[in-house]
Amino acid sequence: RSHSGRHRAEARCRPLHRAEQSLQKTALQTTFSGNFLALMGGGTVPQRFTLRGALNTFLDFRFETIRRKSAFQLKKVEARAHIVEGLLRALESADDVIELVRSAPDQAQARE
């Protein structure tokens, strides 16, 4: 009985030892191996990564993809805005053009 009591007292005094035992004897800590191999350099150079390196490379890729997509969408919107601006200008002067055509004595003069 005294041996068991002494063991408990030692366990209370060494919490790190107790944590190590818990990690070794239970599923609180799991390890697995992985081979992070990817093609880099335009898809021609195989390279081995750490987990951190693989995640950083993936995030760099995603940021670049999002930047390109945003730039593409911005160009499309700017082109459309240019067209809409031209249509608005034409609409503003449409009344003047209609009046000019109606006041022309014949079709030939109206087309000029």
N, C-alpha and C. Protein backbone atom coordinates (compact mmCIF):
# COMPACT_ATOMS: atom_id res chain seq x y z
N ARG A 1 0.82 -1.19 0.00
CA ARG A 1 0.00 0.00 0.00
C ARG A 1 0.86 1.26 0.00
N SER A 2 1.90 1.29 0.72
CA SER A 2 2.75 2.48 0.79
C SER A 2 3.46 2.70 -0.55
N HIS A 3 3.75 1.61 -1.25
CA HIS A 3 4.39 1.74 -2.56
C HIS A 3 3.46 2.45 -3.54
N SER A 4 2.18 2.11 -3.52
CA SER A 4 1.19 2.72 -4.40
C SER A 4 1.02 4.20 -4.07
N GLY A 5 1.00 4.53 -2.80
CA GLY A 5 0.86 5.92 -2.38
C GLY A 5 2.06 6.75 -2.81
N ARG A 6 3.23 6.15 -2.72
CA ARG A 6 4.44 6.86 -3.12
C ARG A 6 4.43 7.13 -4.63
N HIS A 7 3.96 6.17 -5.41
CA HIS A 7 3.89 6.34 -6.86
C HIS A 7 2.94 7.49 -7.22
N ARG A 8 1.81 7.57 -6.53
CA ARG A 8 0.86 8.66 -6.78
C ARG A 8 1.47 10.01 -6.43
N ALA A 9 2.19 10.06 -5.37
CA ALA A 9 2.82 11.32 -4.96
C ALA A 9 3.86 11.75 -5.99
N GLU A 10 4.62 10.79 -6.51
CA GLU A 10 5.61 11.12 -7.54
C GLU A 10 4.92 11.61 -8.81
N ALA A 11 3.81 11.00 -9.17
CA ALA A 11 3.09 11.39 -10.37
C ALA A 11 2.56 12.81 -10.23
N ARG A 12 2.12 13.18 -9.03
CA ARG A 12 1.64 14.55 -8.82
C ARG A 12 2.78 15.55 -8.90
N CYS A 13 3.97 15.15 -8.56
CA CYS A 13 5.11 16.05 -8.57
C CYS A 13 5.71 16.22 -9.97
N ARG A 14 5.46 15.26 -10.85
CA ARG A 14 6.04 15.33 -12.19
C ARG A 14 4.94 15.31 -13.25
N PRO A 15 4.29 16.45 -13.44
CA PRO A 15 3.18 16.47 -14.41
C PRO A 15 3.63 16.24 -15.85
N LEU A 16 4.84 16.67 -16.20
CA LEU A 16 5.32 16.45 -17.56
C LEU A 16 5.52 14.97 -17.84
N HIS A 17 6.00 14.24 -16.84
CA HIS A 17 6.18 12.80 -16.99
C HIS A 17 4.81 12.14 -17.22
N ARG A 18 3.82 12.61 -16.49
CA ARG A 18 2.47 12.06 -16.61
C ARG A 18 1.91 12.35 -18.01
N ALA A 19 2.15 13.56 -18.51
CA ALA A 19 1.68 13.91 -19.84
C ALA A 19 2.37 13.05 -20.90
N GLU A 20 3.65 12.83 -20.76
CA GLU A 20 4.38 11.97 -21.70
C GLU A 20 3.81 10.57 -21.73
N GLN A 21 3.50 10.04 -20.54
CA GLN A 21 2.92 8.70 -20.47
C GLN A 21 1.55 8.67 -21.16
N SER A 22 0.77 9.71 -20.98
CA SER A 22 -0.55 9.76 -21.61
C SER A 22 -0.42 9.78 -23.13
N LEU A 23 0.56 10.53 -23.62
CA LEU A 23 0.74 10.61 -25.06
C LEU A 23 1.23 9.29 -25.64
N GLN A 24 2.06 8.58 -24.90
CA GLN A 24 2.61 7.32 -25.39
C GLN A 24 1.60 6.18 -25.34
N LYS A 25 0.76 6.18 -24.34
CA LYS A 25 -0.11 5.02 -24.11
C LYS A 25 -1.55 5.22 -24.60
N THR A 26 -1.87 6.39 -25.13
CA THR A 26 -3.23 6.63 -25.62
C THR A 26 -3.15 7.20 -27.03
N ALA A 27 -4.31 7.48 -27.59
CA ALA A 27 -4.37 8.02 -28.94
C ALA A 27 -4.36 9.55 -28.94
N LEU A 28 -3.88 10.16 -27.86
CA LEU A 28 -3.81 11.62 -27.82
C LEU A 28 -2.78 12.15 -28.81
N GLN A 29 -1.83 11.34 -29.15
CA GLN A 29 -0.82 11.76 -30.12
C GLN A 29 -0.74 10.69 -31.20
N THR A 30 -0.86 11.11 -32.44
CA THR A 30 -0.79 10.19 -33.56
C THR A 30 0.23 10.73 -34.55
N THR A 31 1.06 9.86 -35.04
CA THR A 31 2.03 10.28 -36.04
C THR A 31 1.77 9.50 -37.33
N PHE A 32 2.07 10.11 -38.42
CA PHE A 32 1.97 9.43 -39.70
C PHE A 32 3.03 10.02 -40.61
N SER A 33 3.42 9.25 -41.57
CA SER A 33 4.44 9.74 -42.49
C SER A 33 3.77 10.11 -43.80
N GLY A 34 4.38 11.04 -44.48
CA GLY A 34 3.85 11.46 -45.77
C GLY A 34 5.00 11.84 -46.69
N ASN A 35 4.80 11.61 -47.94
CA ASN A 35 5.80 11.97 -48.93
C ASN A 35 5.22 13.07 -49.80
N PHE A 36 5.55 14.32 -49.48
CA PHE A 36 5.03 15.46 -50.22
C PHE A 36 5.96 15.73 -51.40
N LEU A 37 5.58 15.20 -52.53
CA LEU A 37 6.37 15.38 -53.74
C LEU A 37 5.47 16.05 -54.77
N ALA A 38 5.98 17.13 -55.36
CA ALA A 38 5.19 17.87 -56.35
C ALA A 38 6.10 18.35 -57.46
N LEU A 39 5.50 18.59 -58.62
CA LEU A 39 6.24 19.11 -59.76
C LEU A 39 6.26 20.63 -59.68
N MET A 40 7.44 21.19 -59.66
CA MET A 40 7.60 22.65 -59.59
C MET A 40 8.33 23.12 -60.85
N GLY A 41 8.50 24.43 -60.98
CA GLY A 41 9.23 24.99 -62.11
C GLY A 41 8.53 24.75 -63.42
N GLY A 42 7.25 25.06 -63.47
CA GLY A 42 6.50 24.85 -64.71
C GLY A 42 6.12 23.40 -64.92
N GLY A 43 6.12 22.60 -63.87
CA GLY A 43 5.71 21.21 -63.99
C GLY A 43 6.80 20.29 -64.49
N THR A 44 8.07 20.70 -64.36
CA THR A 44 9.14 19.87 -64.90
C THR A 44 10.12 19.39 -63.83
N VAL A 45 10.13 20.03 -62.66
CA VAL A 45 11.12 19.70 -61.64
C VAL A 45 10.43 19.09 -60.42
N PRO A 46 10.65 17.79 -60.14
CA PRO A 46 10.05 17.22 -58.93
C PRO A 46 10.76 17.76 -57.69
N GLN A 47 9.98 18.10 -56.68
CA GLN A 47 10.55 18.67 -55.46
C GLN A 47 9.83 18.08 -54.26
N ARG A 48 10.58 17.77 -53.21
CA ARG A 48 10.01 17.23 -51.98
C ARG A 48 9.77 18.38 -51.01
N PHE A 49 8.62 18.35 -50.32
CA PHE A 49 8.22 19.42 -49.42
C PHE A 49 8.04 18.93 -48.01
N THR A 50 8.19 19.84 -47.07
CA THR A 50 7.70 19.60 -45.72
C THR A 50 6.23 19.99 -45.72
N LEU A 51 5.54 19.68 -44.66
CA LEU A 51 4.12 20.05 -44.59
C LEU A 51 3.98 21.56 -44.68
N ARG A 52 4.80 22.29 -43.95
CA ARG A 52 4.76 23.76 -43.98
C ARG A 52 5.06 24.28 -45.39
N GLY A 53 6.07 23.73 -46.04
CA GLY A 53 6.44 24.15 -47.38
C GLY A 53 5.32 23.88 -48.38
N ALA A 54 4.67 22.72 -48.25
CA ALA A 54 3.57 22.38 -49.16
C ALA A 54 2.40 23.35 -48.96
N LEU A 55 2.08 23.65 -47.70
CA LEU A 55 0.98 24.58 -47.44
C LEU A 55 1.32 25.98 -47.93
N ASN A 56 2.54 26.44 -47.71
CA ASN A 56 2.95 27.77 -48.19
C ASN A 56 2.90 27.85 -49.71
N THR A 57 3.37 26.80 -50.37
CA THR A 57 3.34 26.78 -51.84
C THR A 57 1.90 26.79 -52.34
N PHE A 58 1.03 26.02 -51.70
CA PHE A 58 -0.37 26.00 -52.09
C PHE A 58 -1.01 27.37 -51.90
N LEU A 59 -0.73 28.02 -50.75
CA LEU A 59 -1.31 29.35 -50.51
C LEU A 59 -0.80 30.37 -51.52
N ASP A 60 0.49 30.30 -51.86
CA ASP A 60 1.04 31.20 -52.89
C ASP A 60 0.30 30.99 -54.21
N PHE A 61 0.08 29.73 -54.56
CA PHE A 61 -0.64 29.40 -55.79
C PHE A 61 -2.06 29.97 -55.76
N ARG A 62 -2.77 29.79 -54.65
CA ARG A 62 -4.14 30.28 -54.55
C ARG A 62 -4.19 31.80 -54.64
N PHE A 63 -3.26 32.49 -53.95
CA PHE A 63 -3.24 33.95 -54.00
C PHE A 63 -3.00 34.42 -55.44
N GLU A 64 -2.07 33.80 -56.13
CA GLU A 64 -1.78 34.18 -57.51
C GLU A 64 -2.99 33.91 -58.41
N THR A 65 -3.65 32.78 -58.21
CA THR A 65 -4.84 32.45 -58.99
C THR A 65 -5.95 33.48 -58.77
N ILE A 66 -6.15 33.86 -57.53
CA ILE A 66 -7.19 34.85 -57.21
C ILE A 66 -6.83 36.21 -57.79
N ARG A 67 -5.54 36.58 -57.73
CA ARG A 67 -5.11 37.85 -58.34
C ARG A 67 -5.38 37.86 -59.84
N ARG A 68 -5.03 36.78 -60.53
CA ARG A 68 -5.25 36.70 -61.98
C ARG A 68 -6.74 36.75 -62.32
N LYS A 69 -7.53 36.02 -61.57
CA LYS A 69 -8.97 36.00 -61.81
C LYS A 69 -9.56 37.39 -61.60
N SER A 70 -9.13 38.06 -60.53
CA SER A 70 -9.64 39.40 -60.25
C SER A 70 -9.23 40.38 -61.34
N ALA A 71 -7.99 40.29 -61.81
CA ALA A 71 -7.52 41.18 -62.88
C ALA A 71 -8.32 40.93 -64.16
N PHE A 72 -8.60 39.68 -64.48
CA PHE A 72 -9.39 39.34 -65.66
C PHE A 72 -10.80 39.93 -65.56
N GLN A 73 -11.43 39.73 -64.39
CA GLN A 73 -12.77 40.25 -64.20
C GLN A 73 -12.79 41.78 -64.25
N LEU A 74 -11.76 42.42 -63.70
CA LEU A 74 -11.67 43.87 -63.74
C LEU A 74 -11.58 44.38 -65.18
N LYS A 75 -10.77 43.71 -66.01
CA LYS A 75 -10.67 44.11 -67.42
C LYS A 75 -12.00 43.97 -68.13
N LYS A 76 -12.74 42.89 -67.84
CA LYS A 76 -14.04 42.70 -68.46
C LYS A 76 -15.01 43.82 -68.05
N VAL A 77 -15.00 44.16 -66.77
CA VAL A 77 -15.90 45.21 -66.28
C VAL A 77 -15.51 46.56 -66.87
N GLU A 78 -14.21 46.84 -66.97
CA GLU A 78 -13.77 48.11 -67.55
C GLU A 78 -14.17 48.20 -69.02
N ALA A 79 -14.05 47.11 -69.76
CA ALA A 79 -14.46 47.10 -71.17
C ALA A 79 -15.96 47.35 -71.29
N ARG A 80 -16.72 46.71 -70.44
CA ARG A 80 -18.17 46.90 -70.45
C ARG A 80 -18.52 48.34 -70.07
N ALA A 81 -17.82 48.92 -69.11
CA ALA A 81 -18.07 50.30 -68.70
C ALA A 81 -17.78 51.25 -69.86
N HIS A 82 -16.77 50.95 -70.65
CA HIS A 82 -16.44 51.78 -71.80
C HIS A 82 -17.58 51.75 -72.82
N ILE A 83 -18.14 50.57 -73.06
CA ILE A 83 -19.26 50.43 -73.99
C ILE A 83 -20.49 51.17 -73.46
N VAL A 84 -20.78 51.01 -72.18
CA VAL A 84 -21.94 51.67 -71.58
C VAL A 84 -21.77 53.19 -71.64
N GLU A 85 -20.56 53.68 -71.41
CA GLU A 85 -20.29 55.11 -71.50
C GLU A 85 -20.56 55.63 -72.92
N GLY A 86 -20.14 54.87 -73.93
CA GLY A 86 -20.41 55.25 -75.32
C GLY A 86 -21.90 55.27 -75.62
N LEU A 87 -22.63 54.26 -75.11
CA LEU A 87 -24.08 54.22 -75.32
C LEU A 87 -24.77 55.40 -74.64
N LEU A 88 -24.32 55.78 -73.47
CA LEU A 88 -24.91 56.93 -72.78
C LEU A 88 -24.68 58.22 -73.56
N ARG A 89 -23.48 58.36 -74.11
CA ARG A 89 -23.19 59.55 -74.92
C ARG A 89 -24.08 59.58 -76.17
N ALA A 90 -24.25 58.42 -76.79
CA ALA A 90 -25.10 58.35 -77.99
C ALA A 90 -26.54 58.67 -77.62
N LEU A 91 -26.98 58.20 -76.46
CA LEU A 91 -28.35 58.46 -76.01
C LEU A 91 -28.55 59.94 -75.74
N GLU A 92 -27.54 60.60 -75.18
CA GLU A 92 -27.63 62.03 -74.90
C GLU A 92 -27.80 62.84 -76.19
N SER A 93 -27.14 62.42 -77.26
CA SER A 93 -27.21 63.18 -78.52
C SER A 93 -28.23 62.60 -79.49
N ALA A 94 -28.99 61.60 -79.07
CA ALA A 94 -29.97 60.98 -79.96
C ALA A 94 -31.05 61.97 -80.38
N ASP A 95 -31.50 62.79 -79.46
CA ASP A 95 -32.55 63.77 -79.80
C ASP A 95 -32.06 64.75 -80.86
N ASP A 96 -30.79 65.18 -80.75
CA ASP A 96 -30.22 66.10 -81.74
C ASP A 96 -30.15 65.44 -83.12
N VAL A 97 -29.73 64.16 -83.14
CA VAL A 97 -29.62 63.44 -84.41
C VAL A 97 -31.00 63.26 -85.04
N ILE A 98 -32.01 62.92 -84.25
CA ILE A 98 -33.37 62.73 -84.78
C ILE A 98 -33.90 64.04 -85.35
N GLU A 99 -33.66 65.12 -84.64
CA GLU A 99 -34.13 66.43 -85.12
C GLU A 99 -33.44 66.81 -86.43
N LEU A 100 -32.14 66.52 -86.53
CA LEU A 100 -31.40 66.82 -87.75
C LEU A 100 -31.93 66.03 -88.94
N VAL A 101 -32.21 64.74 -88.72
CA VAL A 101 -32.73 63.88 -89.79
C VAL A 101 -34.11 64.35 -90.23
N ARG A 102 -34.97 64.69 -89.28
CA ARG A 102 -36.33 65.12 -89.61
C ARG A 102 -36.34 66.47 -90.35
N SER A 103 -35.40 67.32 -90.05
CA SER A 103 -35.38 68.64 -90.68
C SER A 103 -34.71 68.65 -92.05
N ALA A 104 -34.06 67.53 -92.40
CA ALA A 104 -33.40 67.45 -93.72
C ALA A 104 -34.45 67.38 -94.81
N PRO A 105 -34.20 68.07 -95.94
CA PRO A 105 -35.21 68.07 -97.02
C PRO A 105 -35.33 66.72 -97.73
N ASP A 106 -34.23 65.92 -97.80
CA ASP A 106 -34.31 64.61 -98.44
C ASP A 106 -33.39 63.62 -97.73
N GLN A 107 -33.47 62.33 -98.11
CA GLN A 107 -32.68 61.27 -97.45
C GLN A 107 -31.19 61.46 -97.64
N ALA A 108 -30.75 61.87 -98.79
CA ALA A 108 -29.32 62.04 -99.06
C ALA A 108 -28.70 63.06 -98.10
N GLN A 109 -29.39 64.15 -97.89
CA GLN A 109 -28.88 65.18 -96.99
C GLN A 109 -28.94 64.69 -95.55
N ALA A 110 -29.94 63.90 -95.19
CA ALA A 110 -30.07 63.40 -93.83
C ALA A 110 -28.93 62.43 -93.48
N ARG A 111 -28.47 61.69 -94.48
CA ARG A 111 -27.38 60.72 -94.23
C ARG A 111 -26.05 61.41 -94.03
N GLU A 112 -25.92 62.62 -94.57
CA GLU A 112 -24.66 63.35 -94.42
C GLU A 112 -24.55 63.84 -93.02
